[in-house]
């Protein structure tokens, strides 16, 4: 995992970009190219739209607009709820922008539906407020760049949330006031609608800002936001050629808005899934590491206990063999000779294919030490019999013959 330090105009310090199947796309160039080319591809529908003459009605457009509003509000709430706490300005203000655009679309869609069924809605007011809000949306999208340039990286991200949320209704109120109380705007040529043209220019600037942020951070959600802005830029550009409300260019602009909202919501969903995958993968790796450490520790503990038991048994063997040697010198030398002979015999037997897989160094070492106990039963024979210099009576011979049984019984009790 690579930790990157953010610049004042970017995301906060300490964010991480995972590689592989993580949420980072590593800023690949062809995705940047797609961001910039998407508006041109959509705008290429201009000749086709120009050939259409059919115009829609307020009822249809009201329903379409309210559908887009619900998507935009969902995207706005999702971004605000997810990124407000961490202080991710680019995503927080993107959420505010979608929320404002969705609220405007919801209100305008309601007026259009009402105008179609109940009363004659003020079409001029609807149109002018819509144009004003289309200018406000890219301004909110570029707000993080302006704030970061002035304030730098937020030290306490949570403190920015309340001012940002409180500023939204104030901006909405000022926008509506300017839209509804300003002088009427001509509606027939490109440059005679300065707010509409300004909105397209601002969307272009916002697209460049998010494309640069994607190049720097490589996060997939930034790419999806850039794609959303690019689609809405195409719609705003097509709207410049609209000569009548609800004409094909107007309809294409509304469709592009819905697609732009949907792209942001889809990007957010994919981002959350990738983050969840990252978290699950991290938990899996941590769990595997804990299991590995526990297994290694347990293995060490078991081996240590085995060594302790082996050392204890070896100490017992040595003590008992010394006890047997202490009875007389001949018995001690006999034990030593038996140990050496057993070791030599075991080594020779290991050379035979039949025993090669059974007899190893540990086996030979065990045989060597165990051989010292073969006469341990003699400790149960009285000294008068064991150390007698002359010939033994039959009764004494019988006592000597019992020493293997005495030794076996003794070793059984030790085990």
Protein backbone atom coordinates (compact mmCIF):
# COMPACT_ATOMS: atom_id res chain seq x y z
CA UNK A 1 0.00 0.00 0.00
CA UNK A 2 1.39 3.38 -0.94
CA UNK A 3 0.68 6.48 1.10
CA UNK A 4 0.77 9.73 -0.83
CA UNK A 5 1.02 13.31 0.44
CA UNK A 6 -1.52 15.67 -1.06
CA UNK A 7 -0.79 19.14 -2.35
CA UNK A 8 -2.85 22.13 -1.12
CA UNK A 9 -5.12 21.95 -4.15
CA UNK A 10 -5.86 18.27 -3.81
CA UNK A 11 -7.17 15.72 -1.38
CA UNK A 12 -6.12 15.49 2.30
CA UNK A 13 -2.85 13.99 3.41
CA UNK A 14 -2.90 10.31 4.31
CA UNK A 15 -5.29 9.03 1.65
CA UNK A 16 -4.14 5.79 0.11
CA UNK A 17 -4.34 4.48 -3.44
CA UNK A 18 -4.52 0.71 -3.62
CA UNK A 19 -3.21 -1.08 -6.69
CA UNK A 20 -4.49 -4.23 -8.35
CA UNK A 21 -8.26 -4.58 -8.12
CA UNK A 22 -8.55 -1.66 -5.68
CA UNK A 23 -10.35 1.64 -6.22
CA UNK A 24 -7.25 3.23 -7.78
CA UNK A 25 -7.02 3.24 -11.58
CA UNK A 26 -3.46 4.59 -11.57
CA UNK A 27 -4.38 7.59 -13.74
CA UNK A 28 -4.11 5.75 -17.07
CA UNK A 29 -3.92 8.05 -20.05
CA UNK A 30 -6.60 6.46 -22.18
CA UNK A 31 -9.17 7.06 -19.43
CA UNK A 32 -8.12 10.71 -19.29
CA UNK A 33 -8.54 10.86 -23.06
CA UNK A 34 -12.00 9.32 -22.76
CA UNK A 35 -12.98 11.97 -20.22
CA UNK A 36 -12.08 14.75 -22.63
CA UNK A 37 -13.48 13.11 -25.75
CA UNK A 38 -16.86 12.05 -24.24
CA UNK A 39 -18.47 15.53 -24.61
CA UNK A 40 -17.40 15.70 -28.25
CA UNK A 41 -18.83 12.26 -28.96
CA UNK A 42 -22.18 13.27 -27.49
CA UNK A 43 -22.12 16.65 -29.21
CA UNK A 44 -21.71 14.84 -32.53
CA UNK A 45 -25.48 14.24 -32.36
CA UNK A 46 -25.94 17.90 -33.36
CA UNK A 47 -26.65 17.24 -37.09
CA UNK A 48 -29.22 14.59 -36.20
CA UNK A 49 -30.97 16.84 -33.69
CA UNK A 50 -31.03 19.71 -36.16
CA UNK A 51 -32.95 17.59 -38.64
CA UNK A 52 -35.76 17.00 -36.14
CA UNK A 53 -38.67 19.39 -36.03
CA UNK A 54 -40.91 17.76 -33.45
CA UNK A 55 -41.13 19.50 -30.08
CA UNK A 56 -42.28 17.89 -26.86
CA UNK A 57 -44.67 19.19 -24.25
CA UNK A 58 -44.39 20.28 -20.65
CA UNK A 59 -46.00 17.10 -19.31
CA UNK A 60 -43.41 14.77 -20.85
CA UNK A 61 -40.50 17.02 -19.98
CA UNK A 62 -41.79 17.52 -16.45
CA UNK A 63 -41.81 13.76 -15.87
CA UNK A 64 -38.35 13.35 -17.40
CA UNK A 65 -37.01 16.21 -15.35
CA UNK A 66 -38.37 14.86 -12.08
CA UNK A 67 -36.88 11.44 -12.86
CA UNK A 68 -33.49 13.05 -13.32
CA UNK A 69 -34.05 15.06 -10.14
CA UNK A 70 -34.51 11.92 -8.07
CA UNK A 71 -31.27 10.46 -9.44
CA UNK A 72 -29.41 13.72 -8.79
CA UNK A 73 -30.76 14.01 -5.25
CA UNK A 74 -29.77 10.41 -4.55
CA UNK A 75 -26.26 11.05 -5.86
CA UNK A 76 -25.98 14.29 -3.90
CA UNK A 77 -27.09 12.75 -0.61
CA UNK A 78 -24.80 9.76 -1.13
CA UNK A 79 -21.72 11.91 -1.76
CA UNK A 80 -22.47 14.28 1.12
CA UNK A 81 -23.12 11.48 3.61
CA UNK A 82 -20.05 9.50 2.56
CA UNK A 83 -17.43 12.22 2.19
CA UNK A 84 -18.47 14.96 4.61
CA UNK A 85 -16.65 13.47 7.60
CA UNK A 86 -13.30 12.64 5.93
CA UNK A 87 -13.12 16.13 4.45
CA UNK A 88 -12.83 15.06 0.81
CA UNK A 89 -13.64 18.46 -0.70
CA UNK A 90 -13.87 17.38 -4.32
CA UNK A 91 -16.47 14.76 -3.51
CA UNK A 92 -18.31 16.77 -0.86
CA UNK A 93 -18.89 19.72 -3.19
CA UNK A 94 -19.75 17.36 -6.03
CA UNK A 95 -22.49 16.04 -3.77
CA UNK A 96 -23.66 19.58 -3.02
CA UNK A 97 -23.69 20.39 -6.74
CA UNK A 98 -25.78 17.33 -7.59
CA UNK A 99 -28.11 18.05 -4.69
CA UNK A 100 -28.67 21.64 -5.84
CA UNK A 101 -29.18 20.54 -9.45
CA UNK A 102 -31.59 17.82 -8.33
CA UNK A 103 -33.58 20.23 -6.17
CA UNK A 104 -33.87 22.67 -9.08
CA UNK A 105 -34.90 19.91 -11.47
CA UNK A 106 -37.49 18.68 -8.99
CA UNK A 107 -39.03 22.14 -8.60
CA UNK A 108 -38.91 22.88 -12.34
CA UNK A 109 -40.34 19.46 -13.18
CA UNK A 110 -43.20 20.02 -10.77
CA UNK A 111 -43.98 23.40 -12.37
CA UNK A 112 -43.89 21.85 -15.84
CA UNK A 113 -46.22 19.03 -14.80
CA UNK A 114 -48.51 21.51 -13.09
CA UNK A 115 -48.50 23.72 -16.18
CA UNK A 116 -49.48 20.73 -18.30
CA UNK A 117 -52.41 19.60 -16.16
CA UNK A 118 -53.62 22.28 -13.75
CA UNK A 119 -52.59 25.78 -14.77
CA UNK A 120 -50.36 27.70 -17.10
CA UNK A 121 -46.95 27.68 -15.42
CA UNK A 122 -44.71 30.70 -15.98
CA UNK A 123 -42.52 29.21 -18.71
CA UNK A 124 -40.21 32.20 -18.73
CA UNK A 125 -39.55 31.85 -14.98
CA UNK A 126 -38.93 28.11 -15.31
CA UNK A 127 -36.52 28.64 -18.17
CA UNK A 128 -34.58 31.46 -16.55
CA UNK A 129 -34.24 29.67 -13.19
CA UNK A 130 -33.08 26.54 -15.00
CA UNK A 131 -30.36 28.46 -16.84
CA UNK A 132 -29.24 30.09 -13.61
CA UNK A 133 -28.96 26.77 -11.80
CA UNK A 134 -27.06 25.24 -14.69
CA UNK A 135 -24.50 27.96 -14.02
CA UNK A 136 -24.50 27.32 -10.28
CA UNK A 137 -23.78 23.57 -10.62
CA UNK A 138 -20.29 23.87 -12.22
CA UNK A 139 -19.45 26.68 -9.81
CA UNK A 140 -20.04 24.31 -6.90
CA UNK A 141 -18.00 21.62 -8.66
CA UNK A 142 -15.02 23.97 -8.86
CA UNK A 143 -15.42 25.28 -5.32
CA UNK A 144 -12.90 22.78 -3.80
CA UNK A 145 -10.16 24.15 -6.04
CA UNK A 146 -10.83 27.72 -4.92
CA UNK A 147 -11.13 26.79 -1.23
CA UNK A 148 -8.01 24.61 -1.29
CA UNK A 149 -6.01 27.37 -2.96
CA UNK A 150 -7.00 29.77 -0.18
CA UNK A 151 -7.06 27.52 2.88
CA UNK A 152 -4.87 24.57 1.94
CA UNK A 153 -5.44 21.07 3.25
CA UNK A 154 -8.14 20.97 5.97
CA UNK A 155 -6.69 20.19 9.38
CA UNK A 156 -10.13 19.55 10.83
CA UNK A 157 -12.30 18.40 7.91
CA UNK A 158 -15.47 18.11 9.97
CA UNK A 159 -15.53 21.86 10.61
CA UNK A 160 -15.98 22.59 6.90
CA UNK A 161 -19.21 20.62 6.64
CA UNK A 162 -21.53 23.04 8.46
CA UNK A 163 -20.43 26.20 6.58
CA UNK A 164 -20.68 24.32 3.29
CA UNK A 165 -24.21 23.11 4.03
CA UNK A 166 -25.35 26.53 5.27
CA UNK A 167 -23.97 28.23 2.18
CA UNK A 168 -26.11 26.13 -0.16
CA UNK A 169 -29.55 27.63 0.69
CA UNK A 170 -28.03 31.12 0.60
CA UNK A 171 -26.56 30.51 -2.84
CA UNK A 172 -29.85 29.03 -4.05
CA UNK A 173 -31.79 32.04 -2.81
CA UNK A 174 -29.40 34.50 -4.48
CA UNK A 175 -29.49 32.51 -7.71
CA UNK A 176 -33.27 32.45 -7.82
CA UNK A 177 -33.47 36.16 -7.04
CA UNK A 178 -31.03 37.00 -9.82
CA UNK A 179 -32.82 34.72 -12.27
CA UNK A 180 -36.36 35.90 -11.58
CA UNK A 181 -35.71 39.62 -11.07
CA UNK A 182 -33.13 40.33 -13.75
CA UNK A 183 -33.91 41.65 -17.19
CA UNK A 184 -35.28 39.08 -19.69
CA UNK A 185 -32.65 37.40 -21.83
CA UNK A 186 -33.01 37.04 -25.62
CA UNK A 187 -33.41 33.44 -26.65
CA UNK A 188 -32.52 33.00 -30.31
CA UNK A 189 -28.77 33.11 -30.91
CA UNK A 190 -25.65 31.71 -29.30
CA UNK A 191 -24.16 34.83 -27.74
CA UNK A 192 -27.50 36.37 -26.86
CA UNK A 193 -27.79 33.98 -23.91
CA UNK A 194 -24.72 34.85 -21.86
CA UNK A 195 -25.66 32.77 -18.80
CA UNK A 196 -26.17 29.65 -20.90
CA UNK A 197 -22.85 30.19 -22.64
CA UNK A 198 -21.16 30.92 -19.31
CA UNK A 199 -22.58 27.68 -17.89
CA UNK A 200 -21.03 25.67 -20.74
CA UNK A 201 -17.69 27.39 -20.18
CA UNK A 202 -17.83 26.63 -16.46
CA UNK A 203 -18.65 22.97 -17.12
CA UNK A 204 -15.60 22.86 -19.41
CA UNK A 205 -13.42 24.29 -16.65
CA UNK A 206 -14.87 21.83 -14.12
CA UNK A 207 -14.13 18.93 -16.48
CA UNK A 208 -10.50 20.03 -16.75
CA UNK A 209 -10.25 20.33 -12.96
CA UNK A 210 -11.56 16.80 -12.35
CA UNK A 211 -9.49 15.34 -15.20
CA UNK A 212 -6.35 16.78 -13.59
CA UNK A 213 -7.43 15.48 -10.19
CA UNK A 214 -7.93 12.03 -11.71
CA UNK A 215 -4.45 12.16 -13.25
CA UNK A 216 -3.01 13.01 -9.83
CA UNK A 217 -5.02 10.67 -7.58
CA UNK A 218 -5.93 7.85 -9.98
CA UNK A 219 -9.15 7.14 -8.06
CA UNK A 220 -11.99 5.61 -10.04
CA UNK A 221 -14.66 7.75 -8.39
CA UNK A 222 -12.91 10.90 -9.68
CA UNK A 223 -13.05 9.48 -13.19
CA UNK A 224 -16.76 8.82 -12.90
CA UNK A 225 -17.35 12.36 -11.65
CA UNK A 226 -15.36 13.68 -14.60
CA UNK A 227 -17.44 11.56 -16.96
CA UNK A 228 -20.62 12.90 -15.36
CA UNK A 229 -19.41 16.48 -15.85
CA UNK A 230 -18.43 15.73 -19.45
CA UNK A 231 -21.88 14.35 -20.26
CA UNK A 232 -23.57 17.39 -18.70
CA UNK A 233 -21.18 19.65 -20.63
CA UNK A 234 -22.34 18.02 -23.87
CA UNK A 235 -25.95 18.63 -22.88
CA UNK A 236 -25.27 22.25 -21.98
CA UNK A 237 -23.46 22.77 -25.28
CA UNK A 238 -26.40 21.33 -27.22
CA UNK A 239 -28.75 23.58 -25.25
CA UNK A 240 -26.96 26.61 -26.72
CA UNK A 241 -28.54 25.77 -30.08
CA UNK A 242 -32.07 25.45 -28.74
CA UNK A 243 -34.38 28.02 -30.38
CA UNK A 244 -37.60 26.94 -28.73
CA UNK A 245 -38.42 25.42 -25.38
CA UNK A 246 -38.93 21.64 -25.57
CA UNK A 247 -37.31 21.39 -29.02
CA UNK A 248 -34.91 18.46 -29.81
CA UNK A 249 -31.86 20.33 -28.48
CA UNK A 250 -33.69 21.07 -25.26
CA UNK A 251 -34.67 17.39 -25.00
CA UNK A 252 -31.09 16.25 -25.65
CA UNK A 253 -29.87 18.52 -22.85
CA UNK A 254 -32.33 16.97 -20.41
CA UNK A 255 -31.29 13.44 -21.42
CA UNK A 256 -27.61 14.33 -20.96
CA UNK A 257 -28.39 15.68 -17.49
CA UNK A 258 -30.01 12.40 -16.48
CA UNK A 259 -27.10 10.40 -17.90
CA UNK A 260 -24.65 12.63 -16.05
CA UNK A 261 -26.46 12.16 -12.75
CA UNK A 262 -26.63 8.40 -13.33
CA UNK A 263 -22.89 8.24 -14.11
CA UNK A 264 -22.04 9.89 -10.80
CA UNK A 265 -24.34 7.56 -8.87
CA UNK A 266 -22.93 4.51 -10.67
CA UNK A 267 -19.39 5.67 -9.94
CA UNK A 268 -20.22 6.12 -6.28
CA UNK A 269 -21.70 2.62 -6.08
CA UNK A 270 -18.68 1.03 -7.77
CA UNK A 271 -16.37 3.00 -5.48
CA UNK A 272 -18.17 1.74 -2.40
CA UNK A 273 -18.00 -1.84 -3.66
CA UNK A 274 -14.28 -1.53 -4.35
CA UNK A 275 -13.70 0.02 -0.91
CA UNK A 276 -15.63 -2.85 0.67
CA UNK A 277 -13.49 -5.29 -1.33
CA UNK A 278 -10.39 -3.48 -0.07
CA UNK A 279 -11.61 -3.74 3.50
CA UNK A 280 -12.54 -7.41 3.13
CA UNK A 281 -9.17 -8.11 1.52
CA UNK A 282 -7.39 -6.26 4.32
CA UNK A 283 -9.32 -8.21 6.95
CA UNK A 284 -8.52 -11.45 5.13
CA UNK A 285 -4.81 -10.61 4.98
CA UNK A 286 -4.74 -9.57 8.63
CA UNK A 287 -6.59 -12.74 9.64
CA UNK A 288 -4.20 -14.88 7.61
CA UNK A 289 -1.23 -13.10 9.17
CA UNK A 290 -2.64 -13.63 12.67
CA UNK A 291 -3.18 -17.32 11.89
CA UNK A 292 0.36 -17.59 10.57
CA UNK A 293 1.82 -15.91 13.65
CA UNK A 294 -0.32 -18.03 15.96
CA UNK A 295 0.69 -21.20 14.11
CA UNK A 296 4.37 -20.28 14.26
CA UNK A 297 4.08 -19.40 17.94
CA UNK A 298 2.18 -22.60 18.69
CA UNK A 299 4.78 -24.62 16.81
CA UNK A 300 7.55 -22.98 18.81
CA UNK A 301 5.70 -23.69 22.06
CA UNK A 302 5.14 -27.35 21.13
CA UNK A 303 8.76 -27.80 20.09
CA UNK A 304 9.92 -26.17 23.31
CA UNK A 305 7.73 -28.52 25.36
CA UNK A 306 9.03 -31.50 23.41
CA UNK A 307 12.58 -30.39 24.07
CA UNK A 308 11.80 -29.98 27.76
CA UNK A 309 10.29 -33.47 27.94
CA UNK A 310 13.19 -34.93 25.94
CA UNK A 311 15.70 -33.21 28.18
CA UNK A 312 13.85 -34.48 31.24
CA UNK A 313 13.84 -38.03 29.91
CA UNK A 314 17.49 -37.76 28.98
CA UNK A 315 18.33 -36.54 32.47
CA UNK A 316 16.44 -39.50 33.90
CA UNK A 317 18.27 -41.90 31.61
CA UNK A 318 21.64 -40.47 32.51
CA UNK A 319 20.83 -40.55 36.22
CA UNK A 320 19.69 -44.17 36.07
CA UNK A 321 22.64 -45.22 33.93
CA UNK A 322 25.00 -43.60 36.41
CA UNK A 323 23.19 -45.46 39.16
CA UNK A 324 23.83 -48.74 37.36
CA UNK A 325 27.47 -47.84 36.73
CA UNK A 326 27.98 -47.02 40.38
CA UNK A 327 27.38 -50.64 41.45
CA UNK A 328 30.72 -51.82 40.10
CA UNK A 329 33.37 -50.86 37.57
CA UNK A 330 32.77 -53.86 35.34
CA UNK A 331 29.09 -52.99 34.91
CA UNK A 332 30.04 -49.39 34.02
CA UNK A 333 32.51 -50.47 31.36
CA UNK A 334 30.04 -53.02 30.05
CA UNK A 335 27.41 -50.28 29.64
CA UNK A 336 29.83 -48.07 27.69
CA UNK A 337 30.80 -50.94 25.39
CA UNK A 338 27.14 -51.77 24.81
CA UNK A 339 26.36 -48.13 23.88
CA UNK A 340 29.15 -47.98 21.33
CA UNK A 341 28.26 -51.35 19.84
CA UNK A 342 24.59 -50.35 19.51
CA UNK A 343 25.55 -47.10 17.74
CA UNK A 344 27.87 -48.90 15.31
CA UNK A 345 25.24 -51.54 14.65
CA UNK A 346 22.53 -48.94 13.99
CA UNK A 347 24.76 -47.07 11.53
CA UNK A 348 25.49 -50.27 9.63
CA UNK A 349 21.81 -51.18 9.52
CA UNK A 350 20.99 -47.73 8.07
CA UNK A 351 23.08 -48.62 5.03
CA UNK A 352 20.62 -51.40 4.21
CA UNK A 353 17.73 -50.28 1.94
CA UNK A 354 15.30 -52.06 4.23
CA UNK A 355 16.07 -49.73 7.16
CA UNK A 356 17.22 -46.58 5.35
CA UNK A 357 13.84 -44.86 5.76
CA UNK A 358 13.53 -45.78 9.45
CA UNK A 359 16.96 -45.23 10.96
CA UNK A 360 18.09 -41.61 11.01
CA UNK A 361 20.49 -39.63 13.18
CA UNK A 362 17.87 -39.07 15.87
CA UNK A 363 17.12 -42.81 15.97
CA UNK A 364 20.82 -43.65 16.36
CA UNK A 365 21.20 -41.08 19.14
CA UNK A 366 18.19 -42.52 20.98
CA UNK A 367 19.54 -46.07 20.65
CA UNK A 368 22.89 -44.95 22.01
CA UNK A 369 21.37 -43.42 25.16
CA UNK A 370 18.80 -46.18 25.65
CA UNK A 371 21.52 -48.84 25.56
CA UNK A 372 22.86 -47.52 28.83
CA UNK A 373 19.70 -48.72 30.55
CA UNK A 374 19.78 -52.34 29.48
CA UNK A 375 21.28 -53.40 32.84
CA UNK A 376 19.38 -50.92 35.00
CA UNK A 377 17.56 -53.84 36.63
CA UNK A 378 20.80 -54.82 38.40
CA UNK A 379 20.15 -52.06 40.92
CA UNK A 380 17.59 -54.45 42.42
CA UNK A 381 20.15 -57.22 42.93
CA UNK A 382 21.82 -57.33 46.34
CA UNK A 383 25.49 -56.40 46.41
CA UNK A 384 26.36 -59.76 47.97
CA UNK A 385 25.17 -61.48 44.83
CA UNK A 386 26.12 -58.86 42.21
CA UNK A 387 29.67 -58.34 43.54
CA UNK A 388 30.37 -61.97 44.52
CA UNK A 389 33.79 -63.05 43.24
CA UNK A 390 33.31 -66.78 43.29
CA UNK A 391 30.84 -69.04 41.56
CA UNK A 392 27.14 -68.28 42.00
CA UNK A 393 24.69 -70.76 43.39
CA UNK A 394 21.61 -71.69 41.44
CA UNK A 395 19.50 -69.43 43.63
CA UNK A 396 21.88 -66.54 43.04
CA UNK A 397 21.85 -67.19 39.31
CA UNK A 398 18.06 -67.01 39.39
CA UNK A 399 18.30 -63.65 41.13
CA UNK A 400 20.66 -62.37 38.39
CA UNK A 401 18.29 -63.61 35.69
CA UNK A 402 15.52 -61.47 37.18
CA UNK A 403 17.33 -58.15 36.49
CA UNK A 404 15.81 -57.60 32.97
CA UNK A 405 12.33 -57.83 34.47
CA UNK A 406 13.28 -55.48 37.30
CA UNK A 407 14.68 -52.99 34.75
CA UNK A 408 11.60 -53.20 32.55
CA UNK A 409 9.30 -52.60 35.50
CA UNK A 410 11.41 -49.64 36.60
CA UNK A 411 11.40 -48.02 33.16
CA UNK A 412 7.67 -48.59 32.80
CA UNK A 413 7.08 -46.58 35.96
CA UNK A 414 9.33 -43.77 34.69
CA UNK A 415 7.36 -43.49 31.44
